[in-house]
Amino acid sequence: MSPITDVEGRRVSLTNLDKVLYAETATTKGEVLHYCTTVAGPLLAQLRDRPLSFLRYPDGPEGQRFFTKNVPPGTPSWVKTCEVPHTTSGPTRQVLLQDLPSLVWAANLVVELHTPQWKCQDPGIADRLVLDLDPGAPATIVECCTAAQWLHDRMTADGLEVHAKTSGSKGLHLVVPIEPVPSERATAYARALAAEAAAALPDLVVDKMTKALRPGKIFLDFSQNAAAKTTAVAYTLRARPTPTVSTPVTWDEIAGCTEPRQLAFLFDEIAPRLAEHGDLLAPLLDPDRARPLPRKKSRGAPAAPDRPRSSRGWA
């Protein structure tokens, strides 16, 4: 029988705790579950009210991986869910991780956690802007840091407050608290910003996904602001060869990065970082830190007008 543990009054079944998930570091499923409980405070704060998409890898990152937005079979009745619009098949339901028992249940499934830039109460109304800086080899996160500093200064000039985290894979995510706007408007701003960055830094940044353009460059992916898209949440483990984490970082760390290993964090490094820095993304949770997106980009690139959200653009 699988062991049953009591988590804040909820009975949670745990399975295969001795199973090695990350062969390179001999990290077990039990250690993964312990990590999730260790960072539960800041992780749950970033997850709150945001419908979950799961990348599941029950046999480790080298095994089968599958991405799902639907509520998994066997989900306990006490795990909260929310209805999410869907153009092709009608509304669907997705999981909300609102408390520690739900987080432990999800961690037992062995998952990466991905969320949209909006909350379940206002589907398609973004309260965050995200830019995904993805390096094409031989570029690394070091080059991402150069591009990130330009983007930081550019968005700060627009009155925005910019925060950063590693993707937990190869690159960086820049996350900005914004006054709520339709996702189309956030996407339009991010697209214009990416085009501006590519024009200003042509030897470093590309804003198109074309593979032939990407070697040695930083692809500035603005598309994760679309209503149907999601981004790996801060503090989630990633399905990589080693148990890397999408980790909030300081701008001093970005400015000082000269080697990729300086901004590659394993799961056992996160608790000491929280003790030193606290949750560097806590400002995202304060609505008073949100700022309006500018109506127009510099150089005359217009932002999309505010308008009621259309169902178009949903997956």
Protein backbone atom coordinates (compact mmCIF):
# COMPACT_ATOMS: atom_id res chain seq x y z
CA MET A 1 0.00 0.00 0.00
CA SER A 2 1.06 3.58 -0.62
CA PRO A 3 1.82 5.54 2.54
CA ILE A 4 -0.86 8.02 3.58
CA THR A 5 0.20 11.25 5.22
CA ASP A 6 -1.89 13.87 6.96
CA VAL A 7 -1.29 17.35 5.56
CA GLU A 8 -3.22 20.04 7.42
CA GLY A 9 -6.10 17.62 8.00
CA ARG A 10 -6.14 16.20 4.46
CA ARG A 11 -5.16 12.60 3.73
CA VAL A 12 -2.66 12.51 0.86
CA SER A 13 -1.39 9.29 -0.70
CA LEU A 14 2.34 9.30 -1.47
CA THR A 15 3.89 6.80 -3.87
CA ASN A 16 7.38 5.53 -4.73
CA LEU A 17 9.22 7.90 -2.39
CA ASP A 18 12.55 6.10 -2.96
CA LYS A 19 12.28 6.28 -6.75
CA VAL A 20 15.20 8.14 -8.35
CA LEU A 21 13.85 10.89 -10.61
CA TYR A 22 17.08 12.74 -11.44
CA ALA A 23 19.73 10.14 -12.17
CA GLU A 24 22.66 12.58 -12.41
CA THR A 25 22.18 13.69 -8.80
CA ALA A 26 20.41 10.54 -7.51
CA THR A 27 17.54 12.78 -6.40
CA THR A 28 14.54 10.79 -5.21
CA LYS A 29 10.84 11.52 -5.37
CA GLY A 30 10.84 11.87 -1.58
CA GLU A 31 13.43 14.64 -1.84
CA VAL A 32 11.32 16.37 -4.48
CA LEU A 33 8.29 16.28 -2.18
CA HIS A 34 10.38 17.63 0.69
CA TYR A 35 11.60 20.49 -1.52
CA CYS A 36 8.03 21.45 -2.43
CA THR A 37 7.01 21.63 1.23
CA THR A 38 10.13 23.66 2.05
CA VAL A 39 9.26 26.37 -0.50
CA ALA A 40 5.48 26.04 -0.12
CA GLY A 41 5.00 29.60 1.17
CA PRO A 42 6.41 31.57 -1.77
CA LEU A 43 5.43 28.90 -4.32
CA LEU A 44 1.77 28.87 -3.27
CA ALA A 45 1.76 32.69 -3.24
CA GLN A 46 2.82 32.72 -6.90
CA LEU A 47 0.29 30.00 -7.79
CA ARG A 48 -2.71 31.46 -5.99
CA ASP A 49 -5.85 31.81 -8.11
CA ARG A 50 -3.99 30.87 -11.33
CA PRO A 51 -5.22 27.81 -13.25
CA LEU A 52 -2.53 25.16 -13.53
CA SER A 53 -1.07 23.41 -16.50
CA PHE A 54 1.09 20.40 -15.68
CA LEU A 55 4.12 18.99 -17.42
CA ARG A 56 4.21 15.51 -15.89
CA TYR A 57 7.34 13.35 -15.88
CA PRO A 58 6.56 10.50 -13.46
CA ASP A 59 9.64 8.46 -14.45
CA GLY A 60 12.03 11.42 -14.38
CA PRO A 61 13.02 13.86 -17.14
CA GLU A 62 14.46 11.09 -19.31
CA GLY A 63 11.17 9.17 -19.29
CA GLN A 64 7.77 9.89 -20.78
CA ARG A 65 6.64 13.50 -20.47
CA PHE A 66 3.17 14.84 -21.20
CA PHE A 67 1.53 18.25 -20.84
CA THR A 68 -2.03 18.61 -19.62
CA LYS A 69 -4.34 21.44 -18.67
CA ASN A 70 -7.28 19.24 -17.64
CA VAL A 71 -7.94 18.11 -14.09
CA PRO A 72 -6.06 14.77 -13.77
CA PRO A 73 -8.10 11.59 -13.14
CA GLY A 74 -8.25 10.75 -9.47
CA THR A 75 -7.92 14.34 -8.28
CA PRO A 76 -9.22 14.56 -4.69
CA SER A 77 -12.53 16.36 -4.29
CA TRP A 78 -10.91 18.88 -1.93
CA VAL A 79 -8.49 20.15 -4.60
CA LYS A 80 -10.00 23.35 -5.96
CA THR A 81 -10.59 23.82 -9.68
CA CYS A 82 -11.81 26.62 -11.92
CA GLU A 83 -13.59 26.85 -15.24
CA VAL A 84 -11.50 28.18 -18.11
CA PRO A 85 -12.79 29.31 -21.55
CA HIS A 86 -11.89 27.15 -24.55
CA THR A 87 -12.98 27.94 -28.09
CA THR A 88 -13.00 24.51 -29.70
CA SER A 89 -14.59 22.32 -27.04
CA GLY A 90 -16.31 24.68 -24.65
CA PRO A 91 -15.19 25.49 -21.10
CA THR A 92 -12.73 23.19 -19.36
CA ARG A 93 -11.75 22.83 -15.72
CA GLN A 94 -8.22 23.27 -14.44
CA VAL A 95 -6.62 22.75 -11.05
CA LEU A 96 -5.93 25.55 -8.58
CA LEU A 97 -3.22 24.92 -5.98
CA GLN A 98 -4.43 27.03 -3.08
CA ASP A 99 -3.02 25.21 -0.05
CA LEU A 100 -0.31 22.86 1.17
CA PRO A 101 -2.30 19.60 0.86
CA SER A 102 -3.06 20.38 -2.79
CA LEU A 103 0.59 21.20 -3.45
CA VAL A 104 1.76 17.92 -1.88
CA TRP A 105 -0.84 16.01 -3.93
CA ALA A 106 0.42 17.69 -7.13
CA ALA A 107 4.08 17.16 -6.23
CA ASN A 108 3.37 13.43 -5.82
CA LEU A 109 2.38 13.39 -9.51
CA VAL A 110 5.87 14.75 -10.38
CA VAL A 111 5.06 17.90 -12.28
CA GLU A 112 6.38 21.18 -13.61
CA LEU A 113 3.87 23.90 -12.77
CA HIS A 114 2.86 26.42 -15.45
CA THR A 115 0.42 29.32 -15.12
CA PRO A 116 -1.05 32.02 -17.37
CA GLN A 117 -0.58 35.74 -16.73
CA TRP A 118 -4.16 36.07 -15.43
CA LYS A 119 -6.24 34.76 -12.53
CA CYS A 120 -9.29 32.53 -12.63
CA GLN A 121 -11.58 35.38 -11.54
CA ASP A 122 -10.69 37.33 -14.70
CA PRO A 123 -9.76 34.95 -17.51
CA GLY A 124 -7.82 36.65 -20.26
CA ILE A 125 -7.25 39.81 -18.21
CA ALA A 126 -3.50 39.98 -17.59
CA ASP A 127 -2.10 41.35 -14.35
CA ARG A 128 1.46 40.38 -15.30
CA LEU A 129 3.63 40.81 -18.35
CA VAL A 130 6.30 38.20 -19.07
CA LEU A 131 9.23 38.11 -21.47
CA ASP A 132 11.03 34.81 -22.05
CA LEU A 133 14.69 35.24 -23.01
CA ASP A 134 15.72 32.02 -24.73
CA PRO A 135 19.37 31.65 -25.83
CA GLY A 136 20.30 29.86 -29.03
CA ALA A 137 23.60 28.00 -28.71
CA PRO A 138 26.37 28.98 -28.42
CA ALA A 139 24.68 31.88 -26.59
CA THR A 140 23.88 31.19 -22.93
CA ILE A 141 22.20 32.86 -19.99
CA VAL A 142 25.20 35.23 -19.89
CA GLU A 143 23.99 36.83 -23.13
CA CYS A 144 20.44 36.75 -21.76
CA CYS A 145 21.67 38.93 -18.89
CA THR A 146 22.97 41.57 -21.31
CA ALA A 147 19.63 41.68 -23.11
CA ALA A 148 17.76 41.66 -19.79
CA GLN A 149 19.56 44.77 -18.58
CA TRP A 150 18.60 46.65 -21.75
CA LEU A 151 15.00 45.52 -21.33
CA HIS A 152 15.04 46.49 -17.65
CA ASP A 153 16.13 50.02 -18.48
CA ARG A 154 13.67 50.27 -21.38
CA MET A 155 10.66 49.13 -19.36
CA THR A 156 11.69 51.21 -16.35
CA ALA A 157 11.58 54.22 -18.67
CA ASP A 158 7.97 53.26 -19.37
CA GLY A 159 7.25 53.41 -15.63
CA LEU A 160 7.22 49.64 -15.11
CA GLU A 161 8.81 47.60 -12.32
CA VAL A 162 10.79 44.66 -13.70
CA HIS A 163 11.64 41.46 -11.84
CA ALA A 164 13.72 38.53 -13.02
CA LYS A 165 13.98 34.79 -12.52
CA THR A 166 15.85 32.02 -14.23
CA SER A 167 13.71 29.80 -16.42
CA GLY A 168 15.26 26.79 -14.70
CA SER A 169 16.30 25.65 -18.15
CA LYS A 170 18.64 27.80 -20.28
CA GLY A 171 17.33 31.34 -20.09
CA LEU A 172 15.68 34.11 -18.11
CA HIS A 173 12.13 35.30 -17.51
CA LEU A 174 11.36 38.96 -16.89
CA VAL A 175 8.08 39.46 -15.02
CA VAL A 176 6.30 42.80 -14.61
CA PRO A 177 3.25 43.60 -12.45
CA ILE A 178 0.78 45.59 -14.53
CA GLU A 179 -2.63 47.10 -14.05
CA PRO A 180 -5.11 44.58 -15.47
CA VAL A 181 -5.56 44.73 -19.24
CA PRO A 182 -6.83 42.30 -21.88
CA SER A 183 -4.16 39.77 -22.78
CA GLU A 184 -4.17 41.08 -26.34
CA ARG A 185 -3.01 44.47 -25.07
CA ALA A 186 -0.19 42.95 -23.00
CA THR A 187 0.88 40.86 -25.99
CA ALA A 188 0.90 43.91 -28.25
CA TYR A 189 3.16 45.83 -25.84
CA ALA A 190 5.50 42.84 -25.46
CA ARG A 191 5.64 42.31 -29.23
CA ALA A 192 6.50 45.96 -29.86
CA LEU A 193 9.13 45.84 -27.13
CA ALA A 194 10.70 42.71 -28.63
CA ALA A 195 10.87 44.35 -32.04
CA GLU A 196 12.47 47.43 -30.50
CA ALA A 197 15.04 45.30 -28.68
CA ALA A 198 15.89 43.41 -31.88
CA ALA A 199 16.40 46.72 -33.70
CA ALA A 200 18.53 48.19 -30.91
CA LEU A 201 20.60 45.02 -30.34
CA PRO A 202 20.70 43.34 -33.76
CA ASP A 203 23.79 41.27 -32.96
CA LEU A 204 22.22 39.93 -29.78
CA VAL A 205 18.40 39.76 -29.96
CA VAL A 206 15.89 38.31 -32.41
CA ASP A 207 12.13 38.64 -32.06
CA LYS A 208 11.16 35.91 -34.53
CA MET A 209 11.03 32.19 -33.78
CA THR A 210 12.66 31.20 -37.08
CA LYS A 211 15.31 28.66 -36.13
CA ALA A 212 17.79 29.87 -38.73
CA LEU A 213 17.92 33.28 -37.02
CA ARG A 214 18.54 31.98 -33.50
CA PRO A 215 22.06 30.48 -33.25
CA GLY A 216 24.18 32.74 -31.03
CA LYS A 217 21.22 35.07 -30.40
CA ILE A 218 18.62 35.61 -27.70
CA PHE A 219 15.10 34.91 -28.88
CA LEU A 220 12.80 37.32 -27.08
CA ASP A 221 9.56 35.38 -26.80
CA PHE A 222 6.61 37.70 -26.18
CA SER A 223 3.96 35.10 -27.04
CA GLN A 224 3.54 33.82 -23.46
CA ASN A 225 1.38 36.87 -22.78
CA ALA A 226 -1.38 35.42 -24.97
CA ALA A 227 -4.42 34.32 -22.97
CA ALA A 228 -3.96 30.65 -23.85
CA LYS A 229 -0.23 30.50 -23.11
CA THR A 230 1.51 29.66 -19.85
CA THR A 231 4.93 30.13 -18.24
CA ALA A 232 6.82 27.99 -15.74
CA VAL A 233 6.04 29.45 -12.31
CA ALA A 234 8.76 30.66 -9.95
CA TYR A 235 10.11 27.91 -7.65
CA THR A 236 8.90 25.04 -9.82
CA LEU A 237 11.31 22.19 -10.47
CA ARG A 238 12.02 21.63 -14.16
CA ALA A 239 12.16 18.39 -16.14
CA ARG A 240 15.89 18.75 -16.84
CA PRO A 241 18.78 16.30 -16.36
CA THR A 242 19.38 17.79 -12.90
CA PRO A 243 16.79 19.19 -10.44
CA THR A 244 17.04 22.83 -11.49
CA VAL A 245 14.51 25.38 -10.31
CA SER A 246 13.03 28.50 -11.87
CA THR A 247 14.69 30.85 -9.41
CA PRO A 248 14.14 34.57 -8.68
CA VAL A 249 17.41 36.51 -9.02
CA THR A 250 18.60 40.01 -8.22
CA TRP A 251 19.63 42.60 -10.77
CA ASP A 252 23.09 42.63 -9.18
CA GLU A 253 23.35 38.90 -9.92
CA ILE A 254 22.31 39.55 -13.51
CA ALA A 255 24.84 42.38 -13.91
CA GLY A 256 27.61 40.20 -12.46
CA CYS A 257 26.92 37.05 -14.45
CA THR A 258 29.95 35.96 -16.49
CA GLU A 259 29.42 32.17 -16.51
CA PRO A 260 26.19 30.17 -16.94
CA ARG A 261 26.77 28.20 -13.74
CA GLN A 262 26.40 31.42 -11.72
CA LEU A 263 22.67 31.49 -12.50
CA ALA A 264 21.93 27.75 -12.42
CA PHE A 265 20.27 26.76 -9.15
CA LEU A 266 19.46 23.28 -7.91
CA PHE A 267 16.57 22.56 -5.57
CA ASP A 268 18.76 22.34 -2.45
CA GLU A 269 20.02 25.89 -3.02
CA ILE A 270 16.61 27.55 -2.87
CA ALA A 271 15.98 27.48 0.90
CA PRO A 272 19.32 29.24 1.62
CA ARG A 273 18.48 31.84 -1.02
CA LEU A 274 15.08 32.45 0.56
CA ALA A 275 16.78 32.87 3.93
CA GLU A 276 19.16 35.43 2.42
CA HIS A 277 16.90 37.33 0.03
CA GLY A 278 13.34 36.47 1.00
CA ASP A 279 10.93 36.03 -1.91
CA LEU A 280 12.34 38.35 -4.58
CA LEU A 281 9.04 38.12 -6.45
CA ALA A 282 6.88 39.13 -3.49
CA PRO A 283 6.34 42.59 -5.06
CA LEU A 284 4.32 40.86 -7.80
CA LEU A 285 1.73 40.06 -5.14
CA ASP A 286 1.22 43.70 -4.14
CA PRO A 287 -1.41 45.37 -6.33
CA ASP A 288 0.03 48.77 -5.41
CA ARG A 289 3.20 47.86 -7.34
CA ALA A 290 1.30 47.34 -10.60
CA ARG A 291 1.70 50.07 -13.21
CA PRO A 292 -0.27 50.85 -16.37
CA LEU A 293 1.12 49.82 -19.72
CA PRO A 294 1.98 52.88 -21.84
CA ARG A 295 -0.44 53.75 -24.58
CA LYS A 296 2.29 53.98 -27.20
CA LYS A 297 5.74 52.58 -27.55
CA SER A 298 8.58 54.96 -28.30
CA ARG A 299 9.41 55.21 -32.00
CA GLY A 300 5.68 55.40 -32.62
CA ALA A 301 4.78 51.71 -32.33
CA PRO A 302 1.18 51.76 -31.09
CA ALA A 303 -0.13 49.52 -28.37
CA ALA A 304 -3.40 47.74 -28.99
CA PRO A 305 -6.39 49.65 -27.64
CA ASP A 306 -8.12 48.44 -24.51
CA ARG A 307 -11.22 46.50 -25.44
CA PRO A 308 -13.36 43.68 -24.06
CA ARG A 309 -11.66 40.32 -24.36
CA SER A 310 -12.66 38.26 -27.36
CA SER A 311 -12.79 34.48 -27.22
CA ARG A 312 -10.35 34.42 -30.15
CA GLY A 313 -6.85 33.48 -29.18
CA TRP A 314 -7.82 30.72 -26.75
CA ALA A 315 -6.34 27.31 -27.50
